Amino acid sequence: MATDGRRRTVCALVFLFCVACGGSPTPTAAPSPSSGSEALRANYVALIHRYWLGIVAADNATATTNEASSACLGTRTASSPRDAALVDPAKCRVRAVAILAVQQQFLDDLAMTVAPRQFADDDKVFRSQVPRAIAALKTLVAAAATGKKQATLDAASAYADIMLSSVIAALDDVDPSVHHY
């Protein structure tokens, strides 16, 4: 993660989760506890991976550009400073609405999910910080609707700071196969 919290390079790696379900020759044989915990882990990682792909899509991000970052934070490149003069509130609002939908869906999906013990701390981060991110996004949508660049930048910075200070590290821990900003 970049020290200035503005690094927006996305490296999307594709991977497959293969879960083989085979019958036991003995109908009364119970699955091993390790296979159950492995399935739980794989399902949780898949949920986190889908969440990340949703964020990338909502950001309209590629390996070299991030429309949400440009429009909402006024950044030209992954390492450039935030600049209110470059903020585009109308474009930012479109991205913020898309990101808000992803965040809300993730929170709904998380409510129906049991985290494996190995991800308990990360799960606490998601369950406590994603609602804060949602609140910040709602503020961002409202600020962008005013057309005021500085208000949009301030609200976008609040959202980005929540994500970069805690959620991204939890994403990295659960799904280290992907570089999350």
C-alpha atoms as a PDB file:
ATOM      1  CA  MET A   1       0.000   0.000   0.000  1.00  0.00           C
ATOM      2  CA  ALA A   2       1.330   3.436  -0.835  1.00  0.00           C
ATOM      3  CA  THR A   3       2.373   5.587   2.082  1.00  0.00           C
ATOM      4  CA  ASP A   4       0.267   8.507   0.861  1.00  0.00           C
ATOM      5  CA  GLY A   5      -2.823   6.342   0.510  1.00  0.00           C
ATOM      6  CA  ARG A   6      -3.416   7.386  -3.080  1.00  0.00           C
ATOM      7  CA  ARG A   7      -1.843   4.586  -4.943  1.00  0.00           C
ATOM      8  CA  ARG A   8      -4.447   3.382  -7.376  1.00  0.00           C
ATOM      9  CA  THR A   9      -2.661   0.713  -9.361  1.00  0.00           C
ATOM     10  CA  VAL A  10      -4.847  -2.314  -9.681  1.00  0.00           C
ATOM     11  CA  CYS A  11      -3.329  -5.668 -10.417  1.00  0.00           C
ATOM     12  CA  ALA A  12      -6.181  -8.073 -10.992  1.00  0.00           C
ATOM     13  CA  LEU A  13      -5.163 -11.710 -10.873  1.00  0.00           C
ATOM     14  CA  VAL A  14      -7.537 -14.388 -11.990  1.00  0.00           C
ATOM     15  CA  PHE A  15      -7.751 -17.551 -10.027  1.00  0.00           C
ATOM     16  CA  LEU A  16     -10.125 -20.475  -9.803  1.00  0.00           C
ATOM     17  CA  PHE A  17     -11.494 -22.099  -6.719  1.00  0.00           C
ATOM     18  CA  CYS A  18     -11.886 -25.794  -7.271  1.00  0.00           C
ATOM     19  CA  VAL A  19     -13.985 -27.656  -4.779  1.00  0.00           C
ATOM     20  CA  ALA A  20     -14.360 -31.335  -5.420  1.00  0.00           C
ATOM     21  CA  CYS A  21     -17.356 -33.057  -3.908  1.00  0.00           C
ATOM     22  CA  GLY A  22     -16.974 -36.793  -3.892  1.00  0.00           C
ATOM     23  CA  GLY A  23     -19.113 -39.449  -2.302  1.00  0.00           C
ATOM     24  CA  SER A  24     -17.751 -41.740   0.327  1.00  0.00           C
ATOM     25  CA  PRO A  25     -17.893 -45.487  -0.242  1.00  0.00           C
ATOM     26  CA  THR A  26     -19.488 -45.702   3.202  1.00  0.00           C
ATOM     27  CA  PRO A  27     -22.771 -43.724   3.297  1.00  0.00           C
ATOM     28  CA  THR A  28     -22.447 -43.050   7.035  1.00  0.00           C
ATOM     29  CA  ALA A  29     -18.953 -41.543   6.833  1.00  0.00           C
ATOM     30  CA  ALA A  30     -18.841 -37.931   8.013  1.00  0.00           C
ATOM     31  CA  PRO A  31     -16.745 -35.321   6.209  1.00  0.00           C
ATOM     32  CA  SER A  32     -13.488 -34.531   7.905  1.00  0.00           C
ATOM     33  CA  PRO A  33     -13.428 -31.337   9.982  1.00  0.00           C
ATOM     34  CA  SER A  34     -10.560 -30.025   7.879  1.00  0.00           C
ATOM     35  CA  SER A  35     -12.566 -30.296   4.645  1.00  0.00           C
ATOM     36  CA  GLY A  36     -15.413 -28.322   6.240  1.00  0.00           C
ATOM     37  CA  SER A  37     -13.094 -25.608   7.477  1.00  0.00           C
ATOM     38  CA  GLU A  38     -11.328 -25.498   4.101  1.00  0.00           C
ATOM     39  CA  ALA A  39     -14.658 -25.045   2.322  1.00  0.00           C
ATOM     40  CA  LEU A  40     -15.578 -22.274   4.774  1.00  0.00           C
ATOM     41  CA  ARG A  41     -12.233 -20.578   4.111  1.00  0.00           C
ATOM     42  CA  ALA A  42     -12.570 -20.923   0.332  1.00  0.00           C
ATOM     43  CA  ASN A  43     -16.104 -19.494   0.398  1.00  0.00           C
ATOM     44  CA  TYR A  44     -14.999 -16.552   2.543  1.00  0.00           C
ATOM     45  CA  VAL A  45     -12.025 -15.787   0.305  1.00  0.00           C
ATOM     46  CA  ALA A  46     -14.324 -15.988  -2.733  1.00  0.00           C
ATOM     47  CA  LEU A  47     -16.720 -13.494  -1.089  1.00  0.00           C
ATOM     48  CA  ILE A  48     -13.860 -11.079  -0.425  1.00  0.00           C
ATOM     49  CA  HIS A  49     -12.546 -11.529  -3.969  1.00  0.00           C
ATOM     50  CA  ARG A  50     -15.987 -10.780  -5.476  1.00  0.00           C
ATOM     51  CA  TYR A  51     -16.219  -7.699  -3.240  1.00  0.00           C
ATOM     52  CA  TRP A  52     -12.889  -6.454  -4.544  1.00  0.00           C
ATOM     53  CA  LEU A  53     -13.832  -7.067  -8.171  1.00  0.00           C
ATOM     54  CA  GLY A  54     -17.023  -5.100  -7.533  1.00  0.00           C
ATOM     55  CA  ILE A  55     -15.048  -2.164  -6.151  1.00  0.00           C
ATOM     56  CA  VAL A  56     -12.680  -2.200  -9.138  1.00  0.00           C
ATOM     57  CA  ALA A  57     -15.629  -2.250 -11.546  1.00  0.00           C
ATOM     58  CA  ALA A  58     -17.453   0.525  -9.670  1.00  0.00           C
ATOM     59  CA  ASP A  59     -14.257   2.616  -9.633  1.00  0.00           C
ATOM     60  CA  ASN A  60     -14.008   2.001 -13.387  1.00  0.00           C
ATOM     61  CA  ALA A  61     -10.389   1.140 -12.701  1.00  0.00           C
ATOM     62  CA  THR A  62      -7.769  -0.491 -14.876  1.00  0.00           C
ATOM     63  CA  ALA A  63      -4.099  -1.181 -14.295  1.00  0.00           C
ATOM     64  CA  THR A  64      -3.300   2.416 -15.293  1.00  0.00           C
ATOM     65  CA  THR A  65      -6.416   4.479 -14.554  1.00  0.00           C
ATOM     66  CA  ASN A  66      -9.064   4.884 -11.891  1.00  0.00           C
ATOM     67  CA  GLU A  67     -12.032   7.032 -12.882  1.00  0.00           C
ATOM     68  CA  ALA A  68     -13.347   7.303  -9.323  1.00  0.00           C
ATOM     69  CA  SER A  69     -10.004   8.505  -8.010  1.00  0.00           C
ATOM     70  CA  SER A  70      -9.645  11.021 -10.821  1.00  0.00           C
ATOM     71  CA  ALA A  71     -13.172  12.385 -10.560  1.00  0.00           C
ATOM     72  CA  CYS A  72     -13.526  12.341  -6.776  1.00  0.00           C
ATOM     73  CA  LEU A  73      -9.992  12.975  -5.519  1.00  0.00           C
ATOM     74  CA  GLY A  74      -8.668  14.975  -8.464  1.00  0.00           C
ATOM     75  CA  THR A  75      -5.711  12.690  -9.066  1.00  0.00           C
ATOM     76  CA  ARG A  76      -4.009  12.445 -12.440  1.00  0.00           C
ATOM     77  CA  THR A  77      -1.885   9.402 -11.656  1.00  0.00           C
ATOM     78  CA  ALA A  78      -1.678   6.779  -8.955  1.00  0.00           C
ATOM     79  CA  SER A  79       0.928   8.793  -7.065  1.00  0.00           C
ATOM     80  CA  SER A  80      -0.265  12.345  -7.686  1.00  0.00           C
ATOM     81  CA  PRO A  81      -1.618  14.414  -4.817  1.00  0.00           C
ATOM     82  CA  ARG A  82      -5.305  15.098  -4.378  1.00  0.00           C
ATOM     83  CA  ASP A  83      -6.350  18.313  -6.146  1.00  0.00           C
ATOM     84  CA  ALA A  84      -9.757  19.984  -5.756  1.00  0.00           C
ATOM     85  CA  ALA A  85      -9.288  21.872  -9.022  1.00  0.00           C
ATOM     86  CA  LEU A  86      -9.319  18.544 -10.905  1.00  0.00           C
ATOM     87  CA  VAL A  87     -12.384  17.104  -9.147  1.00  0.00           C
ATOM     88  CA  ASP A  88     -15.421  16.466 -11.368  1.00  0.00           C
ATOM     89  CA  PRO A  89     -18.447  16.286  -9.030  1.00  0.00           C
ATOM     90  CA  ALA A  90     -20.867  14.964 -11.680  1.00  0.00           C
ATOM     91  CA  LYS A  91     -18.584  12.079 -12.686  1.00  0.00           C
ATOM     92  CA  CYS A  92     -17.695  11.487  -9.055  1.00  0.00           C
ATOM     93  CA  ARG A  93     -21.358  11.130  -8.133  1.00  0.00           C
ATOM     94  CA  VAL A  94     -21.838   8.413 -10.752  1.00  0.00           C
ATOM     95  CA  ARG A  95     -18.836   6.476  -9.408  1.00  0.00           C
ATOM     96  CA  ALA A  96     -19.870   7.016  -5.765  1.00  0.00           C
ATOM     97  CA  VAL A  97     -23.378   5.655  -6.416  1.00  0.00           C
ATOM     98  CA  ALA A  98     -21.858   2.572  -8.069  1.00  0.00           C
ATOM     99  CA  ILE A  99     -19.387   2.054  -5.212  1.00  0.00           C
ATOM    100  CA  LEU A 100     -22.167   2.521  -2.651  1.00  0.00           C
ATOM    101  CA  ALA A 101     -24.154  -0.312  -4.245  1.00  0.00           C
ATOM    102  CA  VAL A 102     -21.108  -2.608  -4.029  1.00  0.00           C
ATOM    103  CA  GLN A 103     -20.485  -1.714  -0.392  1.00  0.00           C
ATOM    104  CA  GLN A 104     -24.115  -2.272   0.566  1.00  0.00           C
ATOM    105  CA  GLN A 105     -24.251  -5.623  -1.243  1.00  0.00           C
ATOM    106  CA  PHE A 106     -21.053  -6.734   0.476  1.00  0.00           C
ATOM    107  CA  LEU A 107     -22.425  -5.799   3.889  1.00  0.00           C
ATOM    108  CA  ASP A 108     -25.624  -7.770   3.130  1.00  0.00           C
ATOM    109  CA  ASP A 109     -23.579 -10.771   1.969  1.00  0.00           C
ATOM    110  CA  LEU A 110     -21.339 -10.520   5.019  1.00  0.00           C
ATOM    111  CA  ALA A 111     -24.372 -10.606   7.326  1.00  0.00           C
ATOM    112  CA  MET A 112     -25.170 -14.080   5.988  1.00  0.00           C
ATOM    113  CA  THR A 113     -21.587 -15.330   6.234  1.00  0.00           C
ATOM    114  CA  VAL A 114     -19.617 -16.989   8.982  1.00  0.00           C
ATOM    115  CA  ALA A 115     -15.956 -16.087   8.927  1.00  0.00           C
ATOM    116  CA  PRO A 116     -13.345 -18.778   9.447  1.00  0.00           C
ATOM    117  CA  ARG A 117     -11.402 -18.378  12.692  1.00  0.00           C
ATOM    118  CA  GLN A 118      -8.240 -17.460  10.807  1.00  0.00           C
ATOM    119  CA  PHE A 119     -10.005 -14.347   9.434  1.00  0.00           C
ATOM    120  CA  ALA A 120     -11.831 -13.319  12.619  1.00  0.00           C
ATOM    121  CA  ASP A 121      -9.880 -10.071  13.012  1.00  0.00           C
ATOM    122  CA  ASP A 122     -10.333  -9.151   9.355  1.00  0.00           C
ATOM    123  CA  ASP A 123     -14.044  -9.949   9.598  1.00  0.00           C
ATOM    124  CA  LYS A 124     -14.334  -7.540  12.543  1.00  0.00           C
ATOM    125  CA  VAL A 125     -12.714  -4.867  10.387  1.00  0.00           C
ATOM    126  CA  PHE A 126     -15.189  -5.464   7.554  1.00  0.00           C
ATOM    127  CA  ARG A 127     -18.204  -5.499   9.871  1.00  0.00           C
ATOM    128  CA  SER A 128     -17.154  -2.304  11.663  1.00  0.00           C
ATOM    129  CA  GLN A 129     -15.557  -0.264   8.872  1.00  0.00           C
ATOM    130  CA  VAL A 130     -17.758  -1.018   5.843  1.00  0.00           C
ATOM    131  CA  PRO A 131     -20.777   0.625   7.557  1.00  0.00           C
ATOM    132  CA  ARG A 132     -18.570   3.685   8.140  1.00  0.00           C
ATOM    133  CA  ALA A 133     -17.528   3.586   4.477  1.00  0.00           C
ATOM    134  CA  ILE A 134     -21.196   3.409   3.459  1.00  0.00           C
ATOM    135  CA  ALA A 135     -22.008   6.451   5.580  1.00  0.00           C
ATOM    136  CA  ALA A 136     -19.068   8.311   4.040  1.00  0.00           C
ATOM    137  CA  LEU A 137     -20.229   7.351   0.542  1.00  0.00           C
ATOM    138  CA  LYS A 138     -23.717   8.678   1.253  1.00  0.00           C
ATOM    139  CA  THR A 139     -22.105  11.949   2.308  1.00  0.00           C
ATOM    140  CA  LEU A 140     -20.014  11.889  -0.874  1.00  0.00           C
ATOM    141  CA  VAL A 141     -23.073  11.368  -3.090  1.00  0.00           C
ATOM    142  CA  ALA A 142     -24.764  14.340  -1.422  1.00  0.00           C
ATOM    143  CA  ALA A 143     -21.643  16.523  -1.646  1.00  0.00           C
ATOM    144  CA  ALA A 144     -21.107  15.694  -5.315  1.00  0.00           C
ATOM    145  CA  ALA A 145     -24.742  16.572  -6.039  1.00  0.00           C
ATOM    146  CA  THR A 146     -24.000  20.155  -4.934  1.00  0.00           C
ATOM    147  CA  GLY A 147     -21.393  20.499  -7.688  1.00  0.00           C
ATOM    148  CA  LYS A 148     -18.865  21.909  -5.225  1.00  0.00           C
ATOM    149  CA  LYS A 149     -15.380  20.590  -5.903  1.00  0.00           C
ATOM    150  CA  GLN A 150     -13.911  21.100  -2.431  1.00  0.00           C
ATOM    151  CA  ALA A 151     -16.927  19.550  -0.696  1.00  0.00           C
ATOM    152  CA  THR A 152     -16.697  16.584  -3.061  1.00  0.00           C
ATOM    153  CA  LEU A 153     -12.967  16.210  -2.428  1.00  0.00           C
ATOM    154  CA  ASP A 154     -13.434  16.410   1.341  1.00  0.00           C
ATOM    155  CA  ALA A 155     -16.150  13.744   1.323  1.00  0.00           C
ATOM    156  CA  ALA A 156     -14.185  11.526  -1.074  1.00  0.00           C
ATOM    157  CA  SER A 157     -11.104  11.854   1.118  1.00  0.00           C
ATOM    158  CA  ALA A 158     -13.099  10.757   4.171  1.00  0.00           C
ATOM    159  CA  TYR A 159     -14.269   7.640   2.317  1.00  0.00           C
ATOM    160  CA  ALA A 160     -10.814   6.873   0.899  1.00  0.00           C
ATOM    161  CA  ASP A 161      -9.202   7.304   4.294  1.00  0.00           C
ATOM    162  CA  ILE A 162     -11.574   4.745   5.871  1.00  0.00           C
ATOM    163  CA  MET A 163     -10.875   2.249   3.135  1.00  0.00           C
ATOM    164  CA  LEU A 164      -7.123   2.799   3.053  1.00  0.00           C
ATOM    165  CA  SER A 165      -6.633   2.866   6.827  1.00  0.00           C
ATOM    166  CA  SER A 166      -8.271  -0.478   7.571  1.00  0.00           C
ATOM    167  CA  VAL A 167     -10.357  -2.232   4.927  1.00  0.00           C
ATOM    168  CA  ILE A 168      -7.580  -2.574   2.347  1.00  0.00           C
ATOM    169  CA  ALA A 169      -5.241  -4.224   4.865  1.00  0.00           C
ATOM    170  CA  ALA A 170      -7.979  -6.720   5.767  1.00  0.00           C
ATOM    171  CA  LEU A 171      -8.551  -7.435   2.063  1.00  0.00           C
ATOM    172  CA  ASP A 172      -4.814  -8.035   1.627  1.00  0.00           C
ATOM    173  CA  ASP A 173      -4.810 -10.434   4.565  1.00  0.00           C
ATOM    174  CA  VAL A 174      -7.788 -12.501   3.374  1.00  0.00           C
ATOM    175  CA  ASP A 175      -6.889 -12.501  -0.328  1.00  0.00           C
ATOM    176  CA  PRO A 176      -3.128 -12.005  -0.710  1.00  0.00           C
ATOM    177  CA  SER A 177      -3.296 -13.199  -4.340  1.00  0.00           C
ATOM    178  CA  VAL A 178      -4.456  -9.688  -5.312  1.00  0.00           C
ATOM    179  CA  HIS A 179      -2.792  -6.341  -4.746  1.00  0.00           C
ATOM    180  CA  HIS A 180      -5.559  -4.117  -3.346  1.00  0.00           C
ATOM    181  CA  TYR A 181      -4.542  -0.532  -4.198  1.00  0.00           C
END
